[in-house]
N, C-alpha and C. Protein backbone atom coordinates (compact mmCIF):
# COMPACT_ATOMS: atom_id res chain seq x y z
N MET A 1 -112.81 -12.56 57.71
CA MET A 1 -112.68 -13.13 59.09
C MET A 1 -113.95 -13.54 59.62
N HIS A 2 -113.92 -14.69 60.27
CA HIS A 2 -115.03 -15.29 60.92
C HIS A 2 -114.96 -15.15 62.50
N LYS A 3 -116.06 -15.00 63.10
CA LYS A 3 -116.07 -14.79 64.58
C LYS A 3 -117.25 -15.54 65.06
N ILE A 4 -117.00 -16.31 66.13
CA ILE A 4 -118.21 -16.96 66.78
C ILE A 4 -118.34 -16.31 68.22
N SER A 5 -119.53 -15.87 68.52
CA SER A 5 -119.72 -15.30 69.93
C SER A 5 -120.44 -16.35 70.78
N VAL A 6 -119.97 -16.52 72.00
CA VAL A 6 -120.56 -17.42 72.95
C VAL A 6 -121.11 -16.51 74.06
N ILE A 7 -122.40 -16.37 74.19
CA ILE A 7 -122.96 -15.68 75.36
C ILE A 7 -123.16 -16.39 76.54
N GLY A 8 -122.32 -15.80 77.53
CA GLY A 8 -122.15 -16.57 78.81
C GLY A 8 -120.91 -17.28 78.96
N ALA A 9 -120.10 -16.92 80.05
CA ALA A 9 -118.81 -17.55 80.35
C ALA A 9 -118.80 -18.39 81.50
N GLY A 10 -119.94 -19.07 81.83
CA GLY A 10 -120.09 -19.99 82.83
C GLY A 10 -119.47 -21.29 82.50
N ASN A 11 -119.74 -22.33 83.27
CA ASN A 11 -119.07 -23.63 82.81
C ASN A 11 -119.49 -24.14 81.47
N VAL A 12 -120.74 -23.98 81.06
CA VAL A 12 -121.17 -24.39 79.72
C VAL A 12 -120.55 -23.57 78.63
N GLY A 13 -120.59 -22.22 78.85
CA GLY A 13 -120.13 -21.34 77.69
C GLY A 13 -118.75 -21.41 77.58
N ALA A 14 -117.92 -21.58 78.74
CA ALA A 14 -116.52 -21.65 78.65
C ALA A 14 -116.04 -23.02 77.89
N THR A 15 -116.86 -24.08 78.33
CA THR A 15 -116.54 -25.34 77.65
C THR A 15 -116.84 -25.30 76.13
N LEU A 16 -117.99 -24.64 75.80
CA LEU A 16 -118.22 -24.53 74.36
C LEU A 16 -117.27 -23.72 73.60
N ALA A 17 -116.83 -22.59 74.26
CA ALA A 17 -115.81 -21.61 73.61
C ALA A 17 -114.47 -22.50 73.48
N GLN A 18 -114.04 -23.39 74.47
CA GLN A 18 -112.89 -24.22 74.24
C GLN A 18 -112.99 -25.07 73.29
N ARG A 19 -114.10 -25.76 73.00
CA ARG A 19 -114.25 -26.88 72.01
C ARG A 19 -114.22 -26.13 70.68
N LEU A 20 -114.94 -24.98 70.48
CA LEU A 20 -114.79 -24.31 69.22
C LEU A 20 -113.45 -23.86 68.86
N ILE A 21 -112.67 -23.35 69.80
CA ILE A 21 -111.40 -22.91 69.43
C ILE A 21 -110.47 -24.10 69.23
N GLU A 22 -110.62 -25.19 69.93
CA GLU A 22 -109.85 -26.27 69.59
C GLU A 22 -110.15 -26.79 68.12
N LYS A 23 -111.30 -26.81 67.65
CA LYS A 23 -111.57 -27.12 66.21
C LYS A 23 -111.09 -26.10 65.25
N ASP A 24 -110.54 -24.83 65.78
CA ASP A 24 -110.01 -23.95 64.77
C ASP A 24 -110.80 -23.34 63.78
N PHE A 25 -112.18 -23.29 64.02
CA PHE A 25 -113.10 -22.82 63.06
C PHE A 25 -113.01 -21.35 62.75
N ALA A 26 -112.83 -20.61 63.82
CA ALA A 26 -112.92 -19.09 63.80
C ALA A 26 -112.48 -18.45 64.99
N ASP A 27 -112.34 -17.17 65.14
CA ASP A 27 -112.02 -16.51 66.26
C ASP A 27 -113.18 -16.59 67.28
N VAL A 28 -113.13 -16.69 68.58
CA VAL A 28 -114.07 -16.85 69.37
C VAL A 28 -114.11 -15.72 70.41
N VAL A 29 -115.20 -15.14 70.63
CA VAL A 29 -115.31 -14.14 71.83
C VAL A 29 -116.39 -14.61 72.74
N MET A 30 -116.04 -14.68 73.93
CA MET A 30 -117.01 -15.04 75.10
C MET A 30 -117.39 -13.71 75.73
N LEU A 31 -118.77 -13.69 75.95
CA LEU A 31 -119.43 -12.37 76.40
C LEU A 31 -120.16 -12.80 77.81
N ASP A 32 -120.05 -12.02 78.80
CA ASP A 32 -120.75 -12.28 80.02
C ASP A 32 -120.82 -10.84 80.69
N VAL A 33 -121.83 -10.66 81.56
CA VAL A 33 -122.14 -9.48 82.30
C VAL A 33 -121.24 -9.35 83.44
N VAL A 34 -120.53 -10.33 84.02
CA VAL A 34 -119.89 -10.41 85.15
C VAL A 34 -118.38 -9.92 84.76
N GLU A 35 -117.92 -8.78 85.39
CA GLU A 35 -116.67 -8.33 84.96
C GLU A 35 -115.50 -9.24 85.38
N GLY A 36 -114.69 -9.50 84.27
CA GLY A 36 -113.46 -10.20 84.52
C GLY A 36 -113.51 -11.71 84.22
N ILE A 37 -114.71 -12.28 84.35
CA ILE A 37 -114.87 -13.72 84.12
C ILE A 37 -114.58 -14.18 82.66
N PRO A 38 -115.15 -13.44 81.65
CA PRO A 38 -114.85 -13.95 80.38
C PRO A 38 -113.44 -13.74 79.92
N GLN A 39 -112.85 -12.57 80.41
CA GLN A 39 -111.58 -12.28 80.16
C GLN A 39 -110.49 -13.25 80.72
N GLY A 40 -110.73 -13.58 81.93
CA GLY A 40 -109.97 -14.68 82.64
C GLY A 40 -110.06 -16.04 81.99
N LYS A 41 -111.22 -16.48 81.67
CA LYS A 41 -111.44 -17.81 81.15
C LYS A 41 -110.91 -17.76 79.67
N ALA A 42 -110.96 -16.72 78.90
CA ALA A 42 -110.37 -16.71 77.56
C ALA A 42 -108.80 -16.77 77.59
N LEU A 43 -108.31 -15.96 78.64
CA LEU A 43 -106.84 -16.06 78.78
C LEU A 43 -106.46 -17.47 79.11
N ASP A 44 -107.07 -18.17 80.08
CA ASP A 44 -106.83 -19.69 80.47
C ASP A 44 -106.78 -20.46 79.12
N ILE A 45 -107.81 -20.36 78.27
CA ILE A 45 -108.00 -21.14 77.14
C ILE A 45 -106.89 -20.77 76.10
N SER A 46 -106.52 -19.57 75.90
CA SER A 46 -105.62 -19.08 74.94
C SER A 46 -104.21 -19.58 75.26
N GLN A 47 -104.01 -19.83 76.52
CA GLN A 47 -102.66 -20.29 76.95
C GLN A 47 -102.37 -21.83 76.57
N SER A 48 -103.47 -22.46 76.14
CA SER A 48 -103.29 -23.81 75.64
C SER A 48 -102.98 -24.00 74.20
N ALA A 49 -102.91 -22.77 73.49
CA ALA A 49 -102.84 -22.84 72.08
C ALA A 49 -101.41 -23.49 71.70
N SER A 50 -100.36 -23.29 72.43
CA SER A 50 -99.04 -24.04 72.08
C SER A 50 -99.28 -25.48 72.10
N VAL A 51 -100.15 -25.87 73.01
CA VAL A 51 -100.26 -27.49 73.13
C VAL A 51 -101.20 -27.98 72.13
N LEU A 52 -102.30 -27.27 71.97
CA LEU A 52 -103.41 -27.86 71.04
C LEU A 52 -103.18 -27.29 69.66
N GLY A 53 -102.39 -26.34 69.45
CA GLY A 53 -102.11 -25.97 68.11
C GLY A 53 -103.14 -25.23 67.27
N PHE A 54 -104.02 -24.45 67.93
CA PHE A 54 -105.13 -23.69 67.26
C PHE A 54 -104.44 -22.20 66.70
N ARG A 55 -104.91 -21.78 65.67
CA ARG A 55 -104.39 -20.35 65.17
C ARG A 55 -105.20 -19.28 65.46
N HIS A 56 -106.53 -19.51 65.75
CA HIS A 56 -107.53 -18.39 65.92
C HIS A 56 -107.51 -17.81 67.22
N ALA A 57 -107.94 -16.62 67.44
CA ALA A 57 -107.81 -16.00 68.75
C ALA A 57 -109.09 -16.18 69.63
N ILE A 58 -108.97 -16.24 70.93
CA ILE A 58 -110.13 -16.25 71.86
C ILE A 58 -110.03 -15.06 72.67
N THR A 59 -111.12 -14.30 72.96
CA THR A 59 -111.01 -13.19 73.69
C THR A 59 -112.29 -13.15 74.57
N GLY A 60 -112.34 -12.44 75.71
CA GLY A 60 -113.52 -12.22 76.61
C GLY A 60 -113.81 -10.90 76.69
N SER A 61 -115.07 -10.65 76.88
CA SER A 61 -115.42 -9.29 76.93
C SER A 61 -116.85 -9.06 77.69
N ASN A 62 -117.09 -7.89 78.25
CA ASN A 62 -118.42 -7.66 78.84
C ASN A 62 -119.24 -6.66 77.97
N ASP A 63 -118.72 -6.34 76.78
CA ASP A 63 -119.28 -5.40 75.96
C ASP A 63 -119.88 -6.21 74.67
N TYR A 64 -121.14 -6.20 74.57
CA TYR A 64 -121.72 -7.15 73.34
C TYR A 64 -121.37 -6.49 71.94
N ALA A 65 -120.91 -5.27 71.95
CA ALA A 65 -120.36 -4.63 70.71
C ALA A 65 -119.17 -5.45 70.18
N ASP A 66 -118.50 -6.06 71.11
CA ASP A 66 -117.24 -6.85 70.54
C ASP A 66 -117.56 -8.08 69.87
N SER A 67 -118.91 -8.45 69.82
CA SER A 67 -119.33 -9.63 68.94
C SER A 67 -119.63 -9.17 67.61
N TRP A 68 -119.64 -7.93 67.36
CA TRP A 68 -120.11 -7.39 65.99
C TRP A 68 -118.91 -7.41 65.06
N LEU A 69 -119.05 -7.87 63.87
CA LEU A 69 -118.02 -8.00 62.81
C LEU A 69 -117.85 -6.69 61.98
N GLY A 70 -118.68 -5.70 62.23
CA GLY A 70 -118.50 -4.41 61.61
C GLY A 70 -119.16 -4.37 60.27
N ASP A 71 -118.38 -3.96 59.27
CA ASP A 71 -118.93 -3.75 57.86
C ASP A 71 -119.00 -4.97 57.08
N SER A 72 -118.75 -6.17 57.73
CA SER A 72 -118.94 -7.33 56.89
C SER A 72 -120.36 -7.75 56.65
N GLY A 73 -121.23 -7.13 57.27
CA GLY A 73 -122.60 -7.57 56.89
C GLY A 73 -123.30 -7.76 58.20
N ASP A 74 -124.63 -7.96 58.18
CA ASP A 74 -125.64 -8.09 59.23
C ASP A 74 -125.45 -9.61 59.88
N ASN A 75 -124.77 -9.73 60.92
CA ASN A 75 -124.55 -11.16 61.41
C ASN A 75 -125.59 -11.48 62.53
N ARG A 76 -126.68 -10.70 62.65
CA ARG A 76 -127.81 -10.99 63.62
C ARG A 76 -128.65 -12.03 63.17
N ARG A 77 -129.24 -12.84 63.87
CA ARG A 77 -130.29 -13.78 63.48
C ARG A 77 -131.63 -13.01 63.58
N HIS A 78 -132.49 -13.18 62.58
CA HIS A 78 -133.67 -12.60 62.62
C HIS A 78 -134.82 -13.60 62.65
N CYS A 79 -135.94 -13.34 63.19
CA CYS A 79 -137.14 -14.09 63.30
C CYS A 79 -137.61 -14.46 61.85
N PRO A 80 -137.87 -15.79 61.46
CA PRO A 80 -138.15 -16.12 60.12
C PRO A 80 -139.54 -15.63 59.82
N GLN A 81 -140.47 -15.59 60.85
CA GLN A 81 -141.74 -15.11 60.68
C GLN A 81 -141.93 -13.73 60.40
N THR A 82 -141.25 -12.84 61.23
CA THR A 82 -141.39 -11.43 61.14
C THR A 82 -140.28 -10.72 60.47
N GLY A 83 -139.13 -11.40 60.41
CA GLY A 83 -138.00 -10.62 59.87
C GLY A 83 -137.29 -9.67 60.89
N HIS A 84 -137.78 -9.59 62.08
CA HIS A 84 -137.21 -8.58 63.13
C HIS A 84 -136.35 -9.52 64.02
N ASP A 85 -135.48 -8.77 64.78
CA ASP A 85 -134.66 -9.43 65.85
C ASP A 85 -135.59 -10.10 66.89
N PRO A 86 -135.16 -11.33 67.25
CA PRO A 86 -136.02 -12.06 68.18
C PRO A 86 -136.08 -11.39 69.51
């Protein structure tokens, strides 16, 4: 299972999430600190699935833990110089 996390559900984040889901690369989760915004925008985008024909899911959340893939490995980016989280 592949998942792409989009941090921020404003105009740019929502547009990016929509373009990613239209390409049907992977499941998309939109994350934002404002309650209800990522969930509502994800619902709006998901309702276009029947017209656009994508198979993957798009969800919205306020919990950054929802972007974690679990036991599939470490999906965080690390600083190449230090090896630590940026």
